Protein backbone atom coordinates (compact mmCIF):
# COMPACT_ATOMS: atom_id res chain seq x y z
CA MET A 1 101.94 69.16 76.61
CA ASN A 2 104.70 67.36 74.56
CA ALA A 3 103.25 63.58 74.35
CA ARG A 4 106.95 62.23 74.32
CA SER A 5 107.57 63.52 77.67
CA ARG A 6 104.71 61.08 78.96
CA TRP A 7 105.95 57.97 77.45
CA LYS A 8 109.49 56.59 77.13
CA PRO A 9 109.51 53.55 74.58
CA GLY A 10 111.07 50.57 75.88
CA THR A 11 110.05 51.17 79.68
CA PRO A 12 107.10 49.46 81.40
CA ARG A 13 103.81 51.21 81.11
CA THR A 14 102.83 53.42 83.84
CA LEU A 15 99.67 54.93 84.65
CA ALA A 16 100.48 58.20 82.92
CA GLY A 17 101.57 56.19 79.62
CA ALA A 18 98.21 54.25 79.57
CA SER A 19 96.29 57.54 80.23
CA LEU A 20 98.22 59.21 77.62
CA LEU A 21 97.44 56.20 74.97
CA ALA A 22 93.52 56.48 75.95
CA THR A 23 93.69 60.33 75.21
CA LEU A 24 95.34 59.63 71.84
CA LEU A 25 92.91 56.58 71.04
CA ALA A 26 89.86 59.17 72.13
CA GLY A 27 91.57 61.56 69.80
CA CYS A 28 92.00 59.82 66.64
CA ALA A 29 88.44 58.31 67.01
CA GLY A 30 86.95 61.40 66.25
CA LEU A 31 89.73 63.18 64.12
CA ALA A 32 89.30 65.77 61.89
CA PRO A 33 92.44 67.24 60.36
CA PRO A 34 93.46 69.98 60.73
CA GLY A 35 91.57 70.49 64.19
CA GLY A 36 89.76 68.40 66.62
CA GLY A 37 91.93 65.32 67.57
CA ALA A 38 94.40 65.75 65.06
CA ALA A 39 96.78 66.93 67.82
CA GLY A 40 96.62 63.59 69.48
CA CYS A 41 97.26 61.72 66.18
CA SER A 42 99.94 63.92 65.43
CA ALA A 43 101.51 63.08 68.90
CA LEU A 44 101.35 59.28 68.46
CA PHE A 45 102.64 59.55 64.53
CA ALA A 46 105.63 62.01 65.98
CA GLN A 47 106.05 59.38 68.91
CA LEU A 48 106.32 56.62 66.36
CA GLN A 49 108.67 58.37 64.03
CA GLN A 50 110.98 59.21 66.76
CA ALA A 51 111.25 55.56 67.94
CA THR A 52 111.94 54.08 64.33
CA ARG A 53 114.18 56.98 63.09
CA GLU A 54 117.23 54.70 63.22
CA HIS A 55 115.17 52.27 60.72
CA ARG A 56 113.47 54.71 58.73
CA ASP A 57 112.20 52.76 55.47
CA ALA A 58 113.12 54.93 52.34
CA GLN A 59 110.57 53.59 49.76
CA TYR A 60 107.62 56.07 50.52
CA GLN A 61 107.78 59.85 51.36
CA ARG A 62 105.96 60.87 54.43
CA LEU A 63 103.44 64.00 53.87
CA ALA A 64 104.34 66.81 55.85
CA ASP A 65 101.37 67.80 58.31
CA TRP A 66 99.48 64.44 57.32
CA PRO A 67 100.58 61.83 59.62
CA GLY A 68 99.79 58.74 58.52
CA LEU A 69 100.03 59.00 55.00
CA ARG A 70 102.82 58.12 52.77
CA SER A 71 103.52 58.74 48.77
CA ASP A 72 105.45 57.55 46.10
CA ARG A 73 105.69 59.05 42.56
CA LEU A 74 102.50 57.41 41.17
CA ARG A 75 100.33 58.60 44.08
CA ALA A 76 101.96 61.89 43.65
CA SER A 77 101.28 61.98 40.06
CA LEU A 78 97.34 60.99 40.34
CA GLY A 79 96.33 63.41 42.89
CA ALA A 80 95.90 66.18 40.49
CA ASP A 81 93.36 64.07 38.55
CA ALA A 82 91.35 62.69 41.58
CA ARG A 83 87.90 64.80 41.21
CA THR A 84 85.27 62.40 42.68
CA ALA A 85 84.80 61.43 46.12
CA GLU A 86 85.33 57.93 45.51
CA GLN A 87 88.85 58.77 43.58
CA ARG A 88 89.83 60.88 46.44
CA ARG A 89 89.22 58.14 49.11
CA LEU A 90 90.99 55.59 46.89
CA TRP A 91 93.71 57.67 46.38
CA ALA A 92 94.10 58.60 50.16
CA GLN A 93 93.31 54.90 51.06
CA ARG A 94 96.70 53.92 48.89
CA LEU A 95 98.58 56.46 51.20
CA ALA A 96 97.38 55.36 54.55
CA THR A 97 98.32 51.60 53.25
CA HIS A 98 101.87 52.85 51.95
CA ASP A 99 102.11 54.20 55.67
CA ALA A 100 101.00 50.99 57.51
CA GLU A 101 103.20 48.96 55.40
CA ALA A 102 106.32 51.14 56.14
CA SER A 103 105.66 51.27 59.78
CA GLN A 104 105.37 47.55 60.02
CA VAL A 105 108.86 47.27 58.22
CA GLU A 106 110.41 49.93 60.73
CA ILE A 107 108.88 48.37 63.72
CA ALA A 108 109.78 44.73 62.97
CA GLN A 109 113.43 46.47 63.49
CA LEU A 110 112.93 47.80 66.88
CA ALA A 111 114.46 46.22 70.01
CA PRO A 112 112.20 43.72 71.35
CA ALA A 113 110.62 45.95 74.08
CA GLN A 114 110.00 48.67 71.64
CA ARG A 115 108.44 46.03 69.11
CA HIS A 116 106.53 44.69 71.52
CA ILE A 117 104.69 47.99 72.58
CA TRP A 118 104.21 49.60 68.95
CA ARG A 119 102.69 45.95 68.11
CA SER A 120 100.41 45.87 70.77
CA ASP A 121 96.46 45.99 69.95
CA GLU A 122 96.03 49.13 71.31
CA ARG A 123 98.86 51.05 69.24
CA GLN A 124 97.76 49.46 66.05
CA GLN A 125 94.27 50.68 66.59
CA ALA A 126 95.09 53.90 67.21
CA LEU A 127 97.65 54.11 64.22
CA ASP A 128 94.84 52.54 61.94
CA SER A 129 91.87 54.73 63.45
CA CYS A 130 94.03 57.87 62.68
CA ARG A 131 94.69 56.55 59.33
CA SER A 132 91.08 55.86 58.65
CA ALA A 133 90.17 59.53 59.73
CA GLN A 134 92.60 60.83 57.42
CA VAL A 135 91.00 58.86 54.72
CA ARG A 136 87.49 60.11 55.57
CA ARG A 137 88.41 63.61 55.64
CA LEU A 138 90.24 63.53 52.40
CA SER A 139 87.22 61.79 50.90
CA GLU A 140 84.77 64.58 52.08
CA ASP A 141 86.78 67.61 51.98
CA PRO A 142 88.13 68.70 48.46
CA HIS A 143 90.21 71.58 49.79
CA ALA A 144 91.95 69.28 52.47
CA PHE A 145 92.63 66.63 49.45
CA SER A 146 94.20 69.64 47.39
CA ASP A 147 96.73 70.54 50.30
CA ALA A 148 97.41 66.96 50.77
CA ALA A 149 97.85 66.32 47.14
CA ALA A 150 100.49 69.08 47.01
CA ALA A 151 102.12 67.73 49.98
CA ALA A 152 102.54 64.23 48.07
CA ARG A 153 105.13 65.39 45.71
CA VAL A 154 108.16 63.35 45.98
CA PRO A 155 111.61 64.95 45.67
CA ASP A 156 113.86 63.68 43.10
CA ASP A 157 117.03 61.78 43.96
CA TYR A 158 119.49 64.13 43.07
CA HIS A 159 121.66 66.45 45.05
CA ASP A 160 121.56 70.09 43.37
CA TRP A 161 124.69 71.20 45.67
CA ALA A 162 127.03 68.40 43.94
CA ARG A 163 125.76 69.50 40.52
CA MET A 164 126.63 73.08 41.42
CA LEU A 165 129.74 72.67 43.26
CA GLY A 166 130.89 69.96 40.55
CA LEU A 167 130.35 72.36 37.65
CA ASN A 168 127.79 69.62 36.29
CA PRO A 169 127.50 71.38 32.72
CA LEU A 170 131.27 70.92 32.27
CA PHE A 171 131.08 67.14 33.14
CA LYS A 172 128.12 66.56 30.61
CA PRO A 173 130.16 65.74 27.70
CA VAL A 174 132.11 63.35 29.86
CA PHE A 175 128.85 61.67 30.93
CA GLY A 176 127.56 61.67 27.43
CA TRP A 177 130.58 59.95 26.29
CA GLY A 178 130.42 57.14 28.82
CA VAL A 179 127.11 56.30 28.08
CA ALA A 180 127.31 56.34 24.24
CA ALA A 181 130.45 53.85 24.45
CA TRP A 182 128.33 51.47 26.32
CA GLN A 183 125.45 51.89 23.87
CA ARG A 184 127.90 51.71 21.01
CA ALA A 185 129.06 48.09 22.64
CA ALA A 186 125.77 46.94 23.14
CA ALA A 187 124.59 47.78 19.55
CA ARG A 188 127.39 45.79 18.40
CA ALA A 189 126.34 42.67 20.40
CA ARG A 190 125.55 39.47 18.18
CA MET A 191 123.41 36.69 19.28
CA PRO A 192 125.59 34.32 21.85
CA GLU A 193 126.41 30.90 20.61
CA ASP A 194 124.87 28.48 23.09
CA GLY A 195 127.06 26.10 25.17
CA PRO A 196 127.36 24.57 28.45
CA GLN A 197 129.18 27.92 29.72
CA TRP A 198 125.66 29.39 29.89
CA LEU A 199 123.99 28.30 33.10
CA SER A 200 120.18 28.04 32.68
CA TYR A 201 117.52 29.34 35.01
CA ALA A 202 113.76 28.89 34.80
CA PRO A 203 110.89 29.70 36.97
CA LEU A 204 109.26 27.15 39.27
CA ARG A 205 106.41 25.70 37.21
CA GLN A 206 102.98 27.11 38.24
CA ALA A 207 99.31 26.29 37.47
CA SER A 208 98.04 28.13 34.33
CA PRO A 209 94.57 29.72 34.61
CA THR A 210 91.93 28.48 32.60
CA GLN A 211 90.51 31.94 31.50
CA PRO A 212 92.28 34.99 30.10
CA VAL A 213 93.32 37.25 32.85
CA ARG A 214 91.01 40.52 32.59
CA LEU A 215 92.49 44.00 33.40
CA GLN A 216 89.97 46.24 34.90
CA PRO A 217 90.67 49.78 35.74
CA ASP A 218 90.04 51.10 39.09
CA ALA A 219 88.25 54.80 40.12
CA LEU A 220 91.85 56.25 39.30
CA GLY A 221 92.23 54.56 36.03
CA LEU A 222 95.05 52.03 36.83
CA PRO A 223 94.23 48.75 35.51
CA GLN A 224 94.06 45.90 37.87
CA ALA A 225 94.25 42.14 38.26
CA ASP A 226 92.89 40.23 41.12
CA GLY A 227 95.49 38.33 43.09
CA ALA A 228 95.28 35.07 41.17
CA GLY A 229 95.22 36.98 37.80
CA LEU A 230 98.18 39.00 38.79
CA ASP A 231 100.28 35.47 39.82
CA ALA A 232 99.18 34.42 36.66
CA LEU A 233 100.56 37.41 34.75
CA PHE A 234 103.84 37.08 36.97
CA ALA A 235 104.12 33.52 35.94
CA ARG A 236 103.44 33.94 32.27
CA HIS A 237 105.84 36.63 31.78
CA ALA A 238 108.77 35.32 34.33
CA PRO A 239 112.19 35.40 32.25
CA ARG A 240 114.12 32.69 31.53
CA LEU A 241 117.96 33.29 32.53
CA ARG A 242 121.15 32.15 30.27
CA ILE A 243 124.09 33.57 32.70
CA GLU A 244 127.77 33.01 31.51
CA GLN A 245 129.73 31.44 34.15
CA ALA A 246 133.18 32.63 35.02
CA SER A 247 132.99 32.57 38.88
CA ARG A 248 130.75 31.44 41.70
CA SER A 249 129.48 35.18 41.56
CA ASP A 250 127.65 34.66 38.33
CA ARG A 251 125.04 32.53 39.84
CA ILE A 252 121.91 34.36 41.26
CA GLY A 253 120.49 33.94 44.80
CA SER A 254 119.17 35.58 47.72
CA PRO A 255 120.71 37.97 50.40
CA TYR A 256 120.16 36.96 53.89
CA PHE A 257 121.30 37.82 57.40
CA ALA A 258 123.33 35.24 59.46
CA VAL A 259 122.83 34.24 63.01
CA ASP A 260 125.81 36.67 63.78
CA GLY A 261 123.78 39.59 62.30
CA ALA A 262 126.02 39.91 59.12
CA ARG A 263 124.70 40.03 55.57
CA ARG A 264 125.25 36.70 53.72
CA PHE A 265 124.36 35.64 50.31
CA ASN A 266 122.98 32.20 49.43
CA ALA A 267 123.34 31.09 45.87
CA GLN A 268 121.56 27.79 46.54
CA GLN A 269 118.34 29.54 47.05
CA PRO A 270 117.77 31.40 43.58
CA ARG A 271 115.05 33.73 43.68
CA LEU A 272 113.81 36.59 41.48
CA TYR A 273 111.81 39.10 43.55
CA ARG A 274 108.51 40.79 41.97
CA HIS A 275 106.92 43.89 42.31
CA SER A 276 104.05 45.55 40.25
CA GLY A 277 103.37 49.28 39.26
CA TRP A 278 101.94 51.33 36.47
CA SER A 279 103.13 53.84 33.68
CA ARG A 280 101.25 56.13 31.41
CA ILE A 281 101.84 55.99 27.80
CA ASN A 282 99.74 58.43 25.18
CA GLY A 283 97.13 59.15 27.96
CA ARG A 284 96.71 55.42 29.11
CA TRP A 285 97.57 53.82 31.88
CA HIS A 286 99.45 50.42 31.83
CA LEU A 287 100.33 47.61 34.49
CA GLN A 288 103.91 46.73 34.60
CA LEU A 289 105.44 43.69 36.11
CA VAL A 290 109.00 44.09 37.80
CA TYR A 291 111.57 41.21 38.45
CA GLN A 292 114.53 41.65 40.26
CA LEU A 293 117.49 39.34 40.55
CA TRP A 294 120.71 39.41 42.80
CA PHE A 295 124.18 38.08 42.53
CA ASP A 296 126.56 38.17 45.56
CA ARG A 297 128.95 40.63 43.81
CA ARG A 298 130.32 42.30 40.68
CA PRO A 299 134.10 40.97 40.84
CA LYS A 300 136.59 43.44 40.60
CA PRO A 301 139.48 42.18 38.13
CA HIS A 302 141.73 44.81 39.69
CA ALA A 303 141.90 46.83 42.81
CA LEU A 304 141.18 50.19 41.25
CA ASP A 305 138.08 48.89 39.30
CA LEU A 306 135.57 51.30 39.40
CA TYR A 307 132.19 49.15 38.89
CA GLY A 308 133.11 46.15 41.02
CA GLY A 309 131.72 45.65 44.62
CA GLU A 310 129.34 43.79 47.09
CA LEU A 311 125.98 42.80 45.50
CA ASP A 312 125.03 43.14 41.90
CA GLY A 313 121.80 42.38 39.95
CA LEU A 314 119.25 43.11 37.51
CA LEU A 315 115.80 44.63 37.29
CA TRP A 316 113.38 43.57 34.35
CA ARG A 317 110.32 45.37 33.64
CA VAL A 318 107.70 44.13 31.46
CA THR A 319 104.93 47.16 30.37
CA LEU A 320 101.63 45.29 29.67
CA ASP A 321 98.80 46.07 27.14
CA ALA A 322 95.23 45.73 27.64
CA ARG A 323 95.45 42.09 26.98
CA GLY A 324 98.17 41.09 29.24
CA ASN A 325 100.80 40.93 26.49
CA ALA A 326 104.28 42.57 26.51
CA LEU A 327 103.95 46.30 25.10
CA LEU A 328 107.50 47.06 26.15
CA TYR A 329 110.56 45.74 28.31
CA ASP A 330 113.07 47.69 30.03
CA SER A 331 115.93 46.87 32.37
CA ILE A 332 118.39 48.78 34.80
CA HIS A 333 120.85 47.20 37.12
CA PRO A 334 120.12 47.91 40.94
CA CYS A 335 122.41 51.03 40.74
CA GLY A 336 119.76 52.65 38.50
CA CYS A 337 122.76 52.31 35.71
CA TRP A 338 122.66 51.03 32.10
CA HIS A 339 118.90 51.82 31.31
CA GLY A 340 117.94 49.86 27.96
CA PHE A 341 114.39 49.53 26.17
CA TYR A 342 113.55 46.47 24.23
CA LEU A 343 110.23 46.59 22.09
CA PRO A 344 108.64 43.36 20.78
CA ARG A 345 108.09 43.07 17.04
CA HIS A 346 104.28 43.60 17.32
CA SER A 347 104.62 46.58 19.69
CA PRO A 348 102.75 49.93 18.15
CA LEU A 349 105.44 52.17 20.28
CA ARG A 350 108.05 53.88 18.49
CA PHE A 351 111.20 55.12 20.33
CA ARG A 352 111.99 58.98 20.20
CA GLN A 353 115.11 60.29 21.73
CA PRO A 354 114.17 63.75 23.64
CA PRO A 355 116.60 66.58 22.91
CA ASN A 356 118.98 67.50 25.61
CA GLU A 357 118.66 64.50 27.45
CA GLU A 358 121.19 61.29 28.13
CA SER A 359 120.69 58.98 24.95
CA ARG A 360 118.95 55.53 25.50
CA LEU A 361 119.33 52.25 24.20
CA ALA A 362 116.46 51.08 22.10
CA ARG A 363 115.93 47.72 20.61
CA ARG A 364 113.25 45.78 18.51
CA LEU A 365 113.22 42.14 19.27
CA GLY A 366 112.21 39.22 17.39
CA LEU A 367 109.70 38.09 19.73
CA ASP A 368 105.89 38.74 19.94
CA GLY A 369 105.49 39.61 23.63
CA THR A 370 102.96 36.88 24.39
CA GLN A 371 105.59 34.58 26.20
CA ALA A 372 108.33 35.12 28.55
CA PRO A 373 111.82 35.96 27.03
CA THR A 374 115.05 34.49 27.59
CA LEU A 375 117.65 36.94 29.13
CA TRP A 376 121.52 36.51 28.12
CA LEU A 377 123.93 38.19 30.91
CA SER A 378 127.58 38.39 30.53
CA ALA A 379 129.97 37.01 33.13
CA GLY A 380 131.42 39.12 35.76
CA THR A 381 129.71 42.41 34.47
CA HIS A 382 126.24 40.96 34.35
CA HIS A 383 125.44 42.93 31.54
CA LEU A 384 122.10 42.24 29.55
CA VAL A 385 123.80 41.42 26.26
CA TRP A 386 120.85 39.65 24.30
CA VAL A 387 117.16 38.99 24.33
CA ASP A 388 115.37 36.08 22.62
CA GLU A 389 113.11 33.15 22.68
CA ARG A 390 115.62 30.64 22.74
CA ARG A 391 115.21 27.71 25.44
CA SER A 392 118.00 25.80 26.67
CA PRO A 393 118.89 22.32 25.53
CA TYR A 394 120.61 21.95 29.11
CA PRO A 395 119.00 21.07 32.49
CA ALA A 396 118.09 24.43 34.16
CA LEU A 397 118.10 25.38 37.64
CA HIS A 398 114.76 26.52 38.83
CA TYR A 399 114.10 29.99 40.73
CA ARG A 400 111.53 31.14 43.19
CA GLN A 401 109.32 34.36 42.75
CA ASP A 402 108.96 36.11 46.01
CA ALA A 403 107.73 39.65 46.89
CA LEU A 404 110.33 42.27 46.57
CA ASP A 405 109.15 43.53 49.82
CA GLN A 406 110.58 40.62 51.63
CA LEU A 407 113.73 42.40 51.25
CA ARG A 408 112.65 45.14 53.56
CA ARG A 409 111.86 42.44 56.39
CA LEU A 410 114.53 39.85 56.27
CA PRO A 411 114.86 37.49 59.11
CA HIS A 412 117.64 38.66 61.61
CA PRO A 413 118.71 37.56 65.16
CA GLY A 414 117.34 40.84 66.41
CA GLY A 415 113.89 40.34 64.80
CA ARG A 416 113.79 41.63 61.14
CA ARG A 417 115.99 44.00 59.02
CA SER A 418 115.95 45.72 55.93
CA LEU A 419 118.41 45.20 53.34
CA TYR A 420 118.44 48.90 52.93
CA ALA A 421 119.53 51.63 54.99
CA SER A 422 117.47 54.79 55.85
CA ASP A 423 118.73 56.31 52.65
CA GLY A 424 117.50 53.74 50.44
CA MET A 425 120.88 52.14 49.73
CA VAL A 426 122.44 48.88 50.45
CA PRO A 427 125.13 49.37 52.99
CA GLY A 428 128.62 48.34 52.04
CA SER A 429 127.48 48.10 48.04
CA GLN A 430 129.26 51.54 47.09
CA ARG A 431 131.60 51.71 44.04
CA LEU A 432 134.75 53.52 43.61
CA GLU A 433 132.95 55.25 40.55
CA ARG A 434 131.09 57.47 42.97
CA TRP A 435 134.45 59.68 43.43
CA LEU A 436 134.37 60.35 39.63
CA LEU A 437 130.77 60.69 39.09
CA TRP A 438 129.54 62.73 42.10
CA PRO A 439 129.13 66.00 39.86
CA SER A 440 125.98 64.09 38.26
CA GLY A 441 124.35 64.89 41.33
CA VAL A 442 123.17 61.29 42.12
CA PRO A 443 123.84 60.13 45.32
CA SER A 444 126.81 57.46 45.61
CA PRO A 445 126.75 56.57 41.91
CA GLY A 446 126.78 52.70 41.59
CA ALA A 447 125.41 51.51 45.06
CA MET A 448 122.75 49.15 44.93
CA ARG A 449 119.02 50.75 45.54
CA GLN A 450 115.83 50.32 47.14
CA TRP A 451 112.55 50.31 44.78
CA GLY A 452 111.56 54.09 44.51
CA ARG A 453 115.27 55.41 44.53
CA HIS A 454 116.61 54.37 41.12
CA ALA A 455 117.75 57.60 39.67
CA THR A 456 118.64 56.50 35.89
CA ALA A 457 120.40 59.68 34.27
CA PHE A 458 123.65 61.38 34.58
CA ILE A 459 122.54 63.84 32.15
CA GLY A 460 119.08 65.50 33.09
CA ARG A 461 116.77 63.89 35.80
CA ALA A 462 115.13 60.71 35.19
CA HIS A 463 113.59 57.88 37.81
CA PHE A 464 112.94 54.41 37.24
CA ASP A 465 109.57 54.45 39.12
CA ASP A 466 108.28 57.93 37.50
CA PRO A 467 104.81 56.66 36.03
CA HIS A 468 105.47 59.25 32.99
CA LEU A 469 109.01 58.09 32.12
CA LEU A 470 108.26 56.10 29.43
CA GLN A 471 106.02 58.51 27.49
CA ARG A 472 109.16 60.83 27.16
CA TYR A 473 110.67 58.34 24.92
CA PHE A 474 107.90 56.26 23.05
CA HIS A 475 104.48 57.32 21.44
């Protein structure tokens, strides 16, 4: 019997609905995928997926035939190396945590009646029980784990049909010329002359730890810091900002939803949103710190400007060595564009440009990577034009650090809303360049994107969250 025919979300609980929920709970309690109570859990997650289909969170990828698990590019890459029961358990637990997190993001955006149903203790316990059963099964059954690891692969963010229809090979020289022109301009940049036209931002002060932060690898080899240690690393490497001022759109702030449900921008609440990840270089995993800032727009100097539009920003990523010092910096805009690499002067990494790939900007900096740098951003375009250690002689505004995940659950008159649509893009942030660059296969080039959806190459394929991206360029 179809479970959805027995329960209609948003209606009062009926005896049939209560009976179905009890059945699902009983099935999940003894779940042993793909037999036994798996059908009950599959029905429960199918029902949840149907209820939240208009608010699907795009940060993680659901695993086909494995309800209660969601993957990302990091976990997908780790599956093949999980050999022991503990490694399999930790891998599966991370995927279950992803699903629980994304489900809460989706449920928070439902209408009040549906939200109340899916937040009930009974339903949450049923979902958690199903996820726990999946984790147990994958820990104990290597064959089932192999199937799940294969299903965890995350598709790339390119449309093959656009590349074929748009005769992509013919456009590669055009894409290459545009990238090379930007890189030549960036290479000619000179140290900005300080002055009052550069507005300064600094992080709010936080207490410094009395002991060095220790990074310990977990069972999967990923270096970890405890909560206080991770906060200390984020505080230590939080960048200073110098932003050239030409309009109100050159002030950082935070997007929010107003009482009428419309998205607005508050430049009186400057924030950097932070996220952590990992990257593999030369066979070793490195912890990464990601900072993202927002502007309310990139102004359009004229109506046919290709790059202007609502919202703009910068992602600044710090790849750490075993001591918590910066090994490498890199940055993109939230569209995935303008990817650049910056090496501290003592970094042992050496850049190499892979053949037949889009060229990348790589610079060696004068700073040593032990302390936070200062990022200099141009007015209007918000390009990162310089990186150094100079501190402003002028008073600085202070920004808060908040979790990047907060953008997936912003307060809204109807409850909560994600800044991003189900395709992982920010509605209304489209650029005119999409009509020229669609043969690259990148969906809506220039639009602002959610973490995990940043395609960074027009020639070839590359993703900012790919844990193996950096070792393509550094050794």
